PDB file of N, CA and C in Angstrom:
ATOM      1  N   MET A   1       0.858  -1.181   0.000  1.00  0.00           N
ATOM      2  CA  MET A   1       0.000   0.000   0.000  1.00  0.00           C
ATOM      3  C   MET A   1       0.898   1.236   0.000  1.00  0.00           C
ATOM      4  N   THR A   2       0.625   2.159  -0.870  1.00  0.00           N
ATOM      5  CA  THR A   2       1.420   3.380  -0.962  1.00  0.00           C
ATOM      6  C   THR A   2       0.890   4.439   0.010  1.00  0.00           C
ATOM      7  N   THR A   3       1.678   5.469   0.177  1.00  0.00           N
ATOM      8  CA  THR A   3       1.252   6.594   1.024  1.00  0.00           C
ATOM      9  C   THR A   3      -0.014   7.221   0.461  1.00  0.00           C
ATOM     10  N   ARG A   4      -0.074   7.346  -0.850  1.00  0.00           N
ATOM     11  CA  ARG A   4      -1.260   7.934  -1.495  1.00  0.00           C
ATOM     12  C   ARG A   4      -2.498   7.073  -1.216  1.00  0.00           C
ATOM     13  N   ASP A   5      -2.326   5.750  -1.242  1.00  0.00           N
ATOM     14  CA  ASP A   5      -3.443   4.833  -0.948  1.00  0.00           C
ATOM     15  C   ASP A   5      -3.909   5.012   0.497  1.00  0.00           C
ATOM     16  N   MET A   6      -2.939   5.126   1.405  1.00  0.00           N
ATOM     17  CA  MET A   6      -3.298   5.312   2.814  1.00  0.00           C
ATOM     18  C   MET A   6      -4.037   6.625   3.016  1.00  0.00           C
ATOM     19  N   LEU A   7      -3.562   7.674   2.364  1.00  0.00           N
ATOM     20  CA  LEU A   7      -4.219   8.977   2.477  1.00  0.00           C
ATOM     21  C   LEU A   7      -5.639   8.899   1.930  1.00  0.00           C
ATOM     22  N   LYS A   8      -5.801   8.256   0.796  1.00  0.00           N
ATOM     23  CA  LYS A   8      -7.128   8.129   0.191  1.00  0.00           C
ATOM     24  C   LYS A   8      -8.089   7.434   1.155  1.00  0.00           C
ATOM     25  N   GLU A   9      -7.618   6.377   1.812  1.00  0.00           N
ATOM     26  CA  GLU A   9      -8.462   5.665   2.780  1.00  0.00           C
ATOM     27  C   GLU A   9      -8.719   6.522   4.016  1.00  0.00           C
ATOM     28  N   ALA A  10      -7.687   7.214   4.486  1.00  0.00           N
ATOM     29  CA  ALA A  10      -7.836   8.041   5.683  1.00  0.00           C
ATOM     30  C   ALA A  10      -8.857   9.151   5.460  1.00  0.00           C
ATOM     31  N   LEU A  11      -8.880   9.715   4.266  1.00  0.00           N
ATOM     32  CA  LEU A  11      -9.818  10.802   3.971  1.00  0.00           C
ATOM     33  C   LEU A  11     -11.266  10.330   3.911  1.00  0.00           C
ATOM     34  N   GLN A  12     -11.472   9.040   3.871  1.00  0.00           N
ATOM     35  CA  GLN A  12     -12.829   8.498   3.881  1.00  0.00           C
ATOM     36  C   GLN A  12     -13.360   8.323   5.304  1.00  0.00           C
ATOM     37  N   LEU A  13     -12.490   8.471   6.301  1.00  0.00           N
ATOM     38  CA  LEU A  13     -12.913   8.368   7.701  1.00  0.00           C
ATOM     39  C   LEU A  13     -13.724   9.596   8.078  1.00  0.00           C
ATOM     40  N   ASP A  14     -14.530   9.449   9.122  1.00  0.00           N
ATOM     41  CA  ASP A  14     -15.262  10.625   9.589  1.00  0.00           C
ATOM     42  C   ASP A  14     -14.271  11.556  10.295  1.00  0.00           C
ATOM     43  N   PRO A  15     -14.630  12.831  10.478  1.00  0.00           N
ATOM     44  CA  PRO A  15     -13.687  13.807  11.045  1.00  0.00           C
ATOM     45  C   PRO A  15     -13.063  13.380  12.371  1.00  0.00           C
ATOM     46  N   ALA A  16     -13.822  12.799  13.267  1.00  0.00           N
ATOM     47  CA  ALA A  16     -13.274  12.393  14.569  1.00  0.00           C
ATOM     48  C   ALA A  16     -12.218  11.305  14.398  1.00  0.00           C
ATOM     49  N   GLN A  17     -12.472  10.376  13.493  1.00  0.00           N
ATOM     50  CA  GLN A  17     -11.498   9.316  13.244  1.00  0.00           C
ATOM     51  C   GLN A  17     -10.242   9.869  12.573  1.00  0.00           C
ATOM     52  N   ARG A  18     -10.414  10.816  11.654  1.00  0.00           N
ATOM     53  CA  ARG A  18      -9.253  11.434  11.004  1.00  0.00           C
ATOM     54  C   ARG A  18      -8.413  12.190  12.023  1.00  0.00           C
ATOM     55  N   PHE A  19      -9.096  12.895  12.934  1.00  0.00           N
ATOM     56  CA  PHE A  19      -8.378  13.623  13.970  1.00  0.00           C
ATOM     57  C   PHE A  19      -7.584  12.661  14.845  1.00  0.00           C
ATOM     58  N   ALA A  20      -8.196  11.581  15.270  1.00  0.00           N
ATOM     59  CA  ALA A  20      -7.517  10.598  16.120  1.00  0.00           C
ATOM     60  C   ALA A  20      -6.315  10.000  15.396  1.00  0.00           C
ATOM     61  N   LEU A  21      -6.476   9.701  14.116  1.00  0.00           N
ATOM     62  CA  LEU A  21      -5.373   9.149  13.330  1.00  0.00           C
ATOM     63  C   LEU A  21      -4.236  10.157  13.219  1.00  0.00           C
ATOM     64  N   ALA A  22      -4.566  11.401  12.905  1.00  0.00           N
ATOM     65  CA  ALA A  22      -3.545  12.446  12.786  1.00  0.00           C
ATOM     66  C   ALA A  22      -2.815  12.646  14.107  1.00  0.00           C
ATOM     67  N   GLU A  23      -3.562  12.628  15.197  1.00  0.00           N
ATOM     68  CA  GLU A  23      -2.959  12.801  16.519  1.00  0.00           C
ATOM     69  C   GLU A  23      -1.980  11.670  16.821  1.00  0.00           C
ATOM     70  N   GLU A  24      -2.364  10.441  16.514  1.00  0.00           N
ATOM     71  CA  GLU A  24      -1.481   9.288  16.736  1.00  0.00           C
ATOM     72  C   GLU A  24      -0.210   9.401  15.903  1.00  0.00           C
ATOM     73  N   ILE A  25      -0.350   9.822  14.659  1.00  0.00           N
ATOM     74  CA  ILE A  25       0.825   9.967  13.793  1.00  0.00           C
ATOM     75  C   ILE A  25       1.756  11.045  14.339  1.00  0.00           C
ATOM     76  N   LEU A  26       1.191  12.182  14.730  1.00  0.00           N
ATOM     77  CA  LEU A  26       2.018  13.259  15.283  1.00  0.00           C
ATOM     78  C   LEU A  26       2.722  12.835  16.564  1.00  0.00           C
ATOM     79  N   HIS A  27       2.020  12.139  17.443  1.00  0.00           N
ATOM     80  CA  HIS A  27       2.628  11.679  18.693  1.00  0.00           C
ATOM     81  C   HIS A  27       3.756  10.689  18.426  1.00  0.00           C
ATOM     82  N   SER A  28       3.644   9.914  17.351  1.00  0.00           N
ATOM     83  CA  SER A  28       4.695   8.952  17.043  1.00  0.00           C
ATOM     84  C   SER A  28       5.994   9.646  16.629  1.00  0.00           C
ATOM     85  N   LEU A  29       5.908  10.899  16.195  1.00  0.00           N
ATOM     86  CA  LEU A  29       7.086  11.656  15.775  1.00  0.00           C
ATOM     87  C   LEU A  29       7.765  12.364  16.933  1.00  0.00           C
ATOM     88  N   ASP A  30       7.089  12.506  18.043  1.00  0.00           N
ATOM     89  CA  ASP A  30       7.594  13.262  19.185  1.00  0.00           C
ATOM     90  C   ASP A  30       8.203  12.314  20.208  1.00  0.00           C
ATOM     91  N   LYS A  31       9.465  11.950  19.988  1.00  0.00           N
ATOM     92  CA  LYS A  31      10.160  11.055  20.907  1.00  0.00           C
ATOM     93  C   LYS A  31      10.966  11.896  21.897  1.00  0.00           C
ATOM     94  N   PRO A  32      10.650  11.820  23.189  1.00  0.00           N
ATOM     95  CA  PRO A  32      11.383  12.609  24.175  1.00  0.00           C
ATOM     96  C   PRO A  32      12.860  12.190  24.237  1.00  0.00           C
ATOM     97  N   ASP A  33      13.727  13.153  24.464  1.00  0.00           N
ATOM     98  CA  ASP A  33      15.154  12.907  24.621  1.00  0.00           C
ATOM     99  C   ASP A  33      15.528  13.342  26.036  1.00  0.00           C
ATOM    100  N   PRO A  34      15.826  12.400  26.924  1.00  0.00           N
ATOM    101  CA  PRO A  34      16.130  12.740  28.316  1.00  0.00           C
ATOM    102  C   PRO A  34      17.270  13.748  28.461  1.00  0.00           C
ATOM    103  N   ALA A  35      18.268  13.689  27.587  1.00  0.00           N
ATOM    104  CA  ALA A  35      19.388  14.632  27.681  1.00  0.00           C
ATOM    105  C   ALA A  35      18.911  16.057  27.399  1.00  0.00           C
ATOM    106  N   ILE A  36      18.079  16.223  26.372  1.00  0.00           N
ATOM    107  CA  ILE A  36      17.560  17.553  26.044  1.00  0.00           C
ATOM    108  C   ILE A  36      16.610  18.033  27.139  1.00  0.00           C
ATOM    109  N   ASP A  37      15.780  17.127  27.658  1.00  0.00           N
ATOM    110  CA  ASP A  37      14.878  17.492  28.758  1.00  0.00           C
ATOM    111  C   ASP A  37      15.676  17.995  29.957  1.00  0.00           C
ATOM    112  N   ALA A  38      16.787  17.344  30.282  1.00  0.00           N
ATOM    113  CA  ALA A  38      17.619  17.755  31.423  1.00  0.00           C
ATOM    114  C   ALA A  38      18.204  19.148  31.192  1.00  0.00           C
ATOM    115  N   ILE A  39      18.633  19.424  29.971  1.00  0.00           N
ATOM    116  CA  ILE A  39      19.178  20.750  29.649  1.00  0.00           C
ATOM    117  C   ILE A  39      18.108  21.824  29.828  1.00  0.00           C
ATOM    118  N   TRP A  40      16.879  21.551  29.351  1.00  0.00           N
ATOM    119  CA  TRP A  40      15.799  22.527  29.492  1.00  0.00           C
ATOM    120  C   TRP A  40      15.405  22.725  30.948  1.00  0.00           C
ATOM    121  N   ILE A  41      15.430  21.667  31.743  1.00  0.00           N
ATOM    122  CA  ILE A  41      15.121  21.791  33.170  1.00  0.00           C
ATOM    123  C   ILE A  41      16.151  22.682  33.845  1.00  0.00           C
ATOM    124  N   GLU A  42      17.429  22.461  33.553  1.00  0.00           N
ATOM    125  CA  GLU A  42      18.494  23.314  34.113  1.00  0.00           C
ATOM    126  C   GLU A  42      18.286  24.772  33.722  1.00  0.00           C
ATOM    127  N   GLU A  43      17.966  25.001  32.448  1.00  0.00           N
ATOM    128  CA  GLU A  43      17.767  26.370  31.970  1.00  0.00           C
ATOM    129  C   GLU A  43      16.566  27.018  32.659  1.00  0.00           C
ATOM    130  N   ALA A  44      15.484  26.285  32.801  1.00  0.00           N
ATOM    131  CA  ALA A  44      14.293  26.823  33.463  1.00  0.00           C
ATOM    132  C   ALA A  44      14.600  27.164  34.917  1.00  0.00           C
ATOM    133  N   GLU A  45      15.334  26.296  35.579  1.00  0.00           N
ATOM    134  CA  GLU A  45      15.694  26.566  36.983  1.00  0.00           C
ATOM    135  C   GLU A  45      16.611  27.784  37.085  1.00  0.00           C
ATOM    136  N   ARG A  46      17.562  27.915  36.150  1.00  0.00           N
ATOM    137  CA  ARG A  46      18.469  29.064  36.141  1.00  0.00           C
ATOM    138  C   ARG A  46      17.674  30.357  35.939  1.00  0.00           C
ATOM    139  N   ARG A  47      16.728  30.336  35.010  1.00  0.00           N
ATOM    140  CA  ARG A  47      15.919  31.529  34.745  1.00  0.00           C
ATOM    141  C   ARG A  47      15.024  31.880  35.928  1.00  0.00           C
ATOM    142  N   LEU A  48      14.431  30.873  36.568  1.00  0.00           N
ATOM    143  CA  LEU A  48      13.577  31.117  37.727  1.00  0.00           C
ATOM    144  C   LEU A  48      14.389  31.702  38.880  1.00  0.00           C
ATOM    145  N   THR A  49      15.578  31.167  39.100  1.00  0.00           N
ATOM    146  CA  THR A  49      16.450  31.681  40.160  1.00  0.00           C
ATOM    147  C   THR A  49      16.801  33.139  39.893  1.00  0.00           C
ATOM    148  N   ALA A  50      17.153  33.465  38.646  1.00  0.00           N
ATOM    149  CA  ALA A  50      17.493  34.850  38.283  1.00  0.00           C
ATOM    150  C   ALA A  50      16.293  35.768  38.468  1.00  0.00           C
ATOM    151  N   PHE A  51      15.107  35.301  38.108  1.00  0.00           N
ATOM    152  CA  PHE A  51      13.890  36.101  38.266  1.00  0.00           C
ATOM    153  C   PHE A  51      13.621  36.365  39.736  1.00  0.00           C
ATOM    154  N   ARG A  52      13.693  35.318  40.551  1.00  0.00           N
ATOM    155  CA  ARG A  52      13.419  35.471  41.986  1.00  0.00           C
ATOM    156  C   ARG A  52      14.449  36.363  42.676  1.00  0.00           C
ATOM    157  N   ALA A  53      15.670  36.380  42.162  1.00  0.00           N
ATOM    158  CA  ALA A  53      16.729  37.211  42.741  1.00  0.00           C
ATOM    159  C   ALA A  53      16.646  38.647  42.245  1.00  0.00           C
ATOM    160  N   GLY A  54      15.713  38.934  41.343  1.00  0.00           N
ATOM    161  CA  GLY A  54      15.550  40.284  40.824  1.00  0.00           C
ATOM    162  C   GLY A  54      16.566  40.644  39.752  1.00  0.00           C
ATOM    163  N   LYS A  55      17.276  39.663  39.213  1.00  0.00           N
ATOM    164  CA  LYS A  55      18.283  39.934  38.182  1.00  0.00           C
ATOM    165  C   LYS A  55      17.646  40.156  36.804  1.00  0.00           C
ATOM    166  N   VAL A  56      16.455  39.635  36.618  1.00  0.00           N
ATOM    167  CA  VAL A  56      15.721  39.850  35.368  1.00  0.00           C
ATOM    168  C   VAL A  56      14.280  40.175  35.714  1.00  0.00           C
ATOM    169  N   LYS A  57      13.621  40.879  34.809  1.00  0.00           N
ATOM    170  CA  LYS A  57      12.212  41.221  35.006  1.00  0.00           C
ATOM    171  C   LYS A  57      11.361  40.370  34.078  1.00  0.00           C
ATOM    172  N   GLY A  58      10.153  40.111  34.523  1.00  0.00           N
ATOM    173  CA  GLY A  58       9.202  39.410  33.666  1.00  0.00           C
ATOM    174  C   GLY A  58       8.626  40.354  32.628  1.00  0.00           C
ATOM    175  N   ILE A  59       8.116  39.799  31.569  1.00  0.00           N
ATOM    176  CA  ILE A  59       7.466  40.576  30.516  1.00  0.00           C
ATOM    177  C   ILE A  59       6.000  40.157  30.498  1.00  0.00           C
ATOM    178  N   PRO A  60       5.076  41.113  30.597  1.00  0.00           N
ATOM    179  CA  PRO A  60       3.654  40.759  30.585  1.00  0.00           C
ATOM    180  C   PRO A  60       3.283  39.973  29.321  1.00  0.00           C
ATOM    181  N   ALA A  61       2.443  39.000  29.486  1.00  0.00           N
ATOM    182  CA  ALA A  61       2.016  38.162  28.359  1.00  0.00           C
ATOM    183  C   ALA A  61       1.416  39.012  27.242  1.00  0.00           C
ATOM    184  N   GLU A  62       0.704  40.073  27.595  1.00  0.00           N
ATOM    185  CA  GLU A  62       0.108  40.929  26.579  1.00  0.00           C
ATOM    186  C   GLU A  62       1.168  41.547  25.662  1.00  0.00           C
ATOM    187  N   ASP A  63       2.318  41.877  26.262  1.00  0.00           N
ATOM    188  CA  ASP A  63       3.406  42.449  25.451  1.00  0.00           C
ATOM    189  C   ASP A  63       4.033  41.389  24.549  1.00  0.00           C
ATOM    190  N   VAL A  64       4.204  40.196  25.094  1.00  0.00           N
ATOM    191  CA  VAL A  64       4.828  39.121  24.322  1.00  0.00           C
ATOM    192  C   VAL A  64       3.914  38.691  23.174  1.00  0.00           C
ATOM    193  N   LEU A  65       2.623  38.572  23.472  1.00  0.00           N
ATOM    194  CA  LEU A  65       1.680  38.076  22.472  1.00  0.00           C
ATOM    195  C   LEU A  65       1.083  39.167  21.607  1.00  0.00           C
ATOM    196  N   GLY A  66       1.336  40.420  21.981  1.00  0.00           N
ATOM    197  CA  GLY A  66       0.816  41.528  21.207  1.00  0.00           C
ATOM    198  C   GLY A  66      -0.687  41.655  21.246  1.00  0.00           C
ATOM    199  N   THR A  67      -1.275  41.361  22.409  1.00  0.00           N
ATOM    200  CA  THR A  67      -2.738  41.366  22.519  1.00  0.00           C
ATOM    201  C   THR A  67      -3.270  42.659  23.135  1.00  0.00           C
ATOM    202  N   ARG A  68      -2.444  43.650  23.272  1.00  0.00           N
ATOM    203  CA  ARG A  68      -2.918  44.923  23.838  1.00  0.00           C
ATOM    204  C   ARG A  68      -3.465  45.792  22.760  1.00  0.00           C
TER     205      ARG A  68
END
């Protein structure tokens, strides 16, 4: 079965089934890497420590997202 054949069959599913299939496919691509997770945890802790010590200021979400 080719990719095109699979797509043709998938498009015949009802929307909820297509969504579930797409979600499963996307989740299969997201493999956690413990080494990268550890680096991000260290960075988050470093940033939180700096924020609590007053070394950096927070930026309001409205400014970051441009919703003002």
